[in-house]
Amino acid sequence: MQQLVAGRNDLTDEEWEALHRLDRGQPEAGLVPQTMRDLLVGYGLAAKRRGGAVGVSEAGKRLIHKHRVET
């Protein structure tokens, strides 16, 4: 199954903030609801890790970095 990789304009403000929270790690990543984590995984911006944790994928890291450079 191929994942959709979303861009910044495809994300709501809430999804963008959730991606940043995941990127910052705990304890902020723990504040992201499971449904939002699943959505970001579906977009290809987050990935499930061992033990069930969800973190930012390489595509998600590239998107965050690209947005920082452009702004």
Protein backbone atom coordinates (compact mmCIF):
# COMPACT_ATOMS: atom_id res chain seq x y z
CA MET A 1 0.00 0.00 0.00
CA GLN A 2 1.43 3.35 -1.05
CA GLN A 3 1.08 6.23 1.37
CA LEU A 4 0.05 9.72 0.43
CA VAL A 5 2.71 12.26 1.36
CA ALA A 6 0.95 15.49 2.23
CA GLY A 7 2.41 18.97 1.86
CA ARG A 8 2.01 21.94 4.19
CA ASN A 9 -0.98 23.29 2.25
CA ASP A 10 -2.73 19.93 2.62
CA LEU A 11 -2.66 20.12 6.43
CA THR A 12 -4.96 21.98 8.77
CA ASP A 13 -3.38 24.16 11.43
CA GLU A 14 -4.19 21.44 13.99
CA GLU A 15 -2.47 18.75 11.90
CA TRP A 16 0.59 20.98 11.40
CA GLU A 17 0.83 21.64 15.15
CA ALA A 18 0.46 17.92 15.88
CA LEU A 19 3.32 17.16 13.48
CA HIS A 20 5.51 19.69 15.32
CA ARG A 21 4.57 18.20 18.68
CA LEU A 22 5.60 14.75 17.45
CA ASP A 23 8.85 16.22 16.17
CA ARG A 24 9.65 17.78 19.55
CA GLY A 25 9.26 14.40 21.28
CA GLN A 26 8.02 13.69 24.79
CA PRO A 27 6.27 15.08 26.70
CA GLU A 28 4.67 17.10 23.86
CA ALA A 29 4.29 14.11 21.55
CA GLY A 30 2.15 12.48 24.24
CA LEU A 31 -0.38 15.30 23.90
CA VAL A 32 -1.20 14.36 20.29
CA PRO A 33 -4.45 12.33 20.18
CA GLN A 34 -4.24 8.85 18.69
CA THR A 35 -6.63 9.75 15.88
CA MET A 36 -4.33 12.62 14.84
CA ARG A 37 -1.29 10.32 14.99
CA ASP A 38 -3.08 7.81 12.77
CA LEU A 39 -3.99 10.59 10.33
CA LEU A 40 -0.37 11.77 10.10
CA VAL A 41 0.78 8.18 9.57
CA GLY A 42 -1.76 7.89 6.75
CA TYR A 43 -0.38 11.08 5.20
CA GLY A 44 3.13 9.59 5.31
CA LEU A 45 4.36 12.31 7.68
CA ALA A 46 4.64 10.07 10.73
CA ALA A 47 5.57 6.43 11.20
CA LYS A 48 4.84 3.77 13.79
CA ARG A 49 7.91 2.62 15.65
CA ARG A 50 8.68 -0.37 17.82
CA GLY A 51 6.54 -0.58 20.88
CA GLY A 52 3.69 1.26 19.16
CA ALA A 53 5.17 4.75 19.47
CA VAL A 54 4.57 7.17 16.61
CA GLY A 55 7.24 9.60 15.46
CA VAL A 56 7.86 11.92 12.55
CA SER A 57 8.86 10.10 9.36
CA GLU A 58 11.68 11.19 7.07
CA ALA A 59 9.08 12.80 4.79
CA GLY A 60 7.66 14.68 7.77
CA LYS A 61 11.12 15.90 8.79
CA ARG A 62 11.80 17.09 5.24
CA LEU A 63 8.48 18.98 5.18
CA ILE A 64 9.20 20.71 8.50
CA HIS A 65 12.72 21.63 7.37
CA LYS A 66 11.48 22.88 3.97
CA HIS A 67 8.87 25.08 5.64
CA ARG A 68 11.48 26.56 8.01
CA VAL A 69 13.75 27.41 5.08
CA GLU A 70 10.93 28.99 3.07
CA THR A 71 9.60 31.18 5.88
